[in-house]
Amino acid sequence: MELLKLAALDAEDLAVISAHLQDAILRPEDLAWLPGEHRFVLAARRFDWSVAPGEPPRRRLTGVHFERVLSVKARGISPGAASGESLSLLAVTFEETDAPSGIATLVFSGGAAIRLELECIEVRLKDLGPVWESDGRPDHEAVRTLIENRP
């Protein structure tokens, strides 16, 4: 299987990257803000949604970097902090402010989020090679049911 390599230069491209990162698992120490380079990077274990029916589900190690980052704000997570906590990335969204600038938000389960103020969209995703079988497929319906039935 060929390694995935994507670039995003607009909101539509970023939506494609978001789809590939849906349900990726990472830890706070897998996230880094490099202010001197105006870069935000992360390493994640993304679920490989392209697996053919009948094949076992799998995950891949993936690197992502956001360029032209002006500031980073986090809620419910401390990027770079050593922690045994696992995070599930639900989506990467973009809200344009003063074109081409805007806010990219990494939305995690449990209400955590990272807000990146961007000069413009310039994002790269690249699989780093390792692939392994996953314990199962993400079950969005089960999560939705849990949330809806929460007291």
Protein backbone atom coordinates (compact mmCIF):
# COMPACT_ATOMS: atom_id res chain seq x y z
CA MET A 1 0.00 0.00 0.00
CA GLU A 2 1.32 3.40 -0.98
CA LEU A 3 1.96 5.99 1.71
CA LEU A 4 -0.47 8.90 1.82
CA LYS A 5 1.00 12.34 1.15
CA LEU A 6 -1.34 15.37 1.03
CA ALA A 7 -1.06 19.16 0.96
CA ALA A 8 -3.73 21.75 1.76
CA LEU A 9 -3.64 25.32 0.47
CA ASP A 10 -7.33 26.15 0.91
CA ALA A 11 -10.33 25.17 3.05
CA GLU A 12 -11.46 22.49 0.61
CA ASP A 13 -8.02 20.81 0.70
CA LEU A 14 -8.01 21.05 4.51
CA ALA A 15 -11.37 19.24 4.63
CA VAL A 16 -9.74 16.31 2.78
CA ILE A 17 -6.91 16.19 5.33
CA SER A 18 -9.49 16.38 8.12
CA ALA A 19 -11.32 13.36 6.69
CA HIS A 20 -8.11 11.32 6.68
CA LEU A 21 -7.35 12.36 10.26
CA GLN A 22 -10.81 11.56 11.60
CA ASP A 23 -10.43 9.24 14.61
CA ALA A 24 -6.63 9.60 14.72
CA ILE A 25 -5.19 8.83 18.14
CA LEU A 26 -2.44 10.93 19.70
CA ARG A 27 -1.10 12.14 23.04
CA PRO A 28 -0.35 15.69 24.17
CA GLU A 29 3.38 14.97 23.79
CA ASP A 30 2.76 14.25 20.09
CA LEU A 31 1.93 17.96 19.57
CA ALA A 32 4.46 20.79 19.28
CA TRP A 33 4.21 24.55 18.70
CA LEU A 34 7.41 25.96 17.17
CA PRO A 35 6.80 29.72 17.40
CA GLY A 36 10.18 30.73 15.94
CA GLU A 37 9.32 28.76 12.78
CA HIS A 38 5.60 29.70 12.79
CA ARG A 39 4.88 25.95 12.68
CA PHE A 40 2.61 23.56 14.57
CA VAL A 41 3.37 19.84 14.19
CA LEU A 42 1.81 16.61 15.31
CA ALA A 43 2.34 12.89 14.99
CA ALA A 44 -0.76 10.71 15.05
CA ARG A 45 -1.86 7.17 14.60
CA ARG A 46 -4.56 7.68 11.99
CA PHE A 47 -7.24 5.12 11.21
CA ASP A 48 -6.82 3.97 7.61
CA TRP A 49 -10.29 4.44 6.15
CA SER A 50 -9.14 3.08 2.75
CA VAL A 51 -8.92 -0.55 3.92
CA ALA A 52 -10.83 -2.84 1.56
CA PRO A 53 -13.91 -4.65 2.91
CA GLY A 54 -12.95 -7.94 4.50
CA GLU A 55 -9.43 -6.80 5.40
CA PRO A 56 -8.61 -6.19 9.07
CA PRO A 57 -8.79 -2.55 10.19
CA ARG A 58 -5.44 -0.80 10.60
CA ARG A 59 -3.73 2.37 11.72
CA ARG A 60 -0.79 4.25 10.23
CA LEU A 61 1.76 6.59 11.76
CA THR A 62 1.29 10.03 10.20
CA GLY A 63 3.01 13.38 10.53
CA VAL A 64 1.18 16.68 9.99
CA HIS A 65 2.51 20.22 9.99
CA PHE A 66 0.76 23.56 9.80
CA GLU A 67 2.86 26.42 8.43
CA ARG A 68 2.41 30.21 8.83
CA VAL A 69 0.94 29.79 12.32
CA LEU A 70 0.69 33.12 14.14
CA SER A 71 -0.60 31.87 17.50
CA VAL A 72 -1.83 28.74 19.26
CA LYS A 73 -4.46 28.43 21.98
CA ALA A 74 -5.54 25.20 23.62
CA ARG A 75 -8.53 24.11 25.69
CA GLY A 76 -8.46 20.91 27.72
CA ILE A 77 -5.04 19.89 26.44
CA SER A 78 -1.44 21.02 26.95
CA PRO A 79 0.53 20.48 23.71
CA GLY A 80 3.90 18.89 24.44
CA ALA A 81 3.03 17.87 28.01
CA ALA A 82 4.05 14.34 29.01
CA SER A 83 0.87 12.46 29.76
CA GLY A 84 -0.54 8.97 29.53
CA GLU A 85 -3.74 10.50 28.18
CA SER A 86 -4.87 9.49 24.68
CA LEU A 87 -6.79 11.90 22.51
CA SER A 88 -9.05 11.16 19.58
CA LEU A 89 -8.99 13.77 16.82
CA LEU A 90 -12.50 14.26 15.45
CA ALA A 91 -11.96 16.98 12.85
CA VAL A 92 -9.89 19.90 11.63
CA THR A 93 -12.07 22.91 10.79
CA PHE A 94 -11.29 26.29 9.24
CA GLU A 95 -12.99 29.63 9.68
CA GLU A 96 -11.79 32.44 7.44
CA THR A 97 -11.27 35.79 9.16
CA ASP A 98 -9.50 38.22 6.81
CA ALA A 99 -8.80 36.23 3.61
CA PRO A 100 -6.59 34.33 3.30
CA SER A 101 -6.11 34.36 7.09
CA GLY A 102 -8.26 32.35 9.44
CA ILE A 103 -8.56 29.99 12.36
CA ALA A 104 -7.94 26.25 12.06
CA THR A 105 -9.33 24.27 14.97
CA LEU A 106 -8.31 20.73 15.87
CA VAL A 107 -11.37 19.27 17.61
CA PHE A 108 -10.84 16.33 19.97
CA SER A 109 -13.29 14.06 21.76
CA GLY A 110 -14.07 15.10 25.30
CA GLY A 111 -14.27 18.80 24.40
CA ALA A 112 -10.53 19.47 24.00
CA ALA A 113 -9.48 21.72 21.12
CA ILE A 114 -6.47 23.52 19.69
CA ARG A 115 -6.98 26.81 17.87
CA LEU A 116 -4.36 27.83 15.31
CA GLU A 117 -4.39 31.39 14.00
CA LEU A 118 -3.09 31.08 10.43
CA GLU A 119 -1.68 33.70 8.07
CA CYS A 120 -3.03 31.36 5.35
CA ILE A 121 -3.67 27.64 4.95
CA GLU A 122 -0.49 25.67 4.33
CA VAL A 123 -0.73 22.16 5.75
CA ARG A 124 1.04 18.93 4.89
CA LEU A 125 0.18 15.35 5.91
CA LYS A 126 2.51 12.42 5.27
CA ASP A 127 2.37 8.79 6.34
CA LEU A 128 5.63 7.87 7.99
CA GLY A 129 5.65 4.17 7.21
CA PRO A 130 4.61 2.00 10.14
CA VAL A 131 1.22 0.31 9.80
CA TRP A 132 -0.44 -2.14 12.19
CA GLU A 133 -3.76 -3.88 12.71
CA SER A 134 -6.26 -2.00 14.83
CA ASP A 135 -8.40 -3.51 17.57
CA GLY A 136 -11.50 -2.43 15.66
CA ARG A 137 -13.18 0.27 13.61
CA PRO A 138 -14.28 3.54 15.21
CA ASP A 139 -18.00 3.30 16.01
CA HIS A 140 -19.51 6.76 15.63
CA GLU A 141 -23.06 5.51 16.21
CA ALA A 142 -22.08 4.06 19.61
CA VAL A 143 -20.44 7.35 20.62
CA ARG A 144 -23.48 9.35 19.45
CA THR A 145 -25.80 7.07 21.49
CA LEU A 146 -23.64 7.51 24.61
CA ILE A 147 -23.70 11.30 24.25
CA GLU A 148 -27.46 11.44 23.62
CA ASN A 149 -28.21 9.23 26.65
CA ARG A 150 -25.86 11.03 29.02
CA PRO A 151 -27.66 12.17 32.23
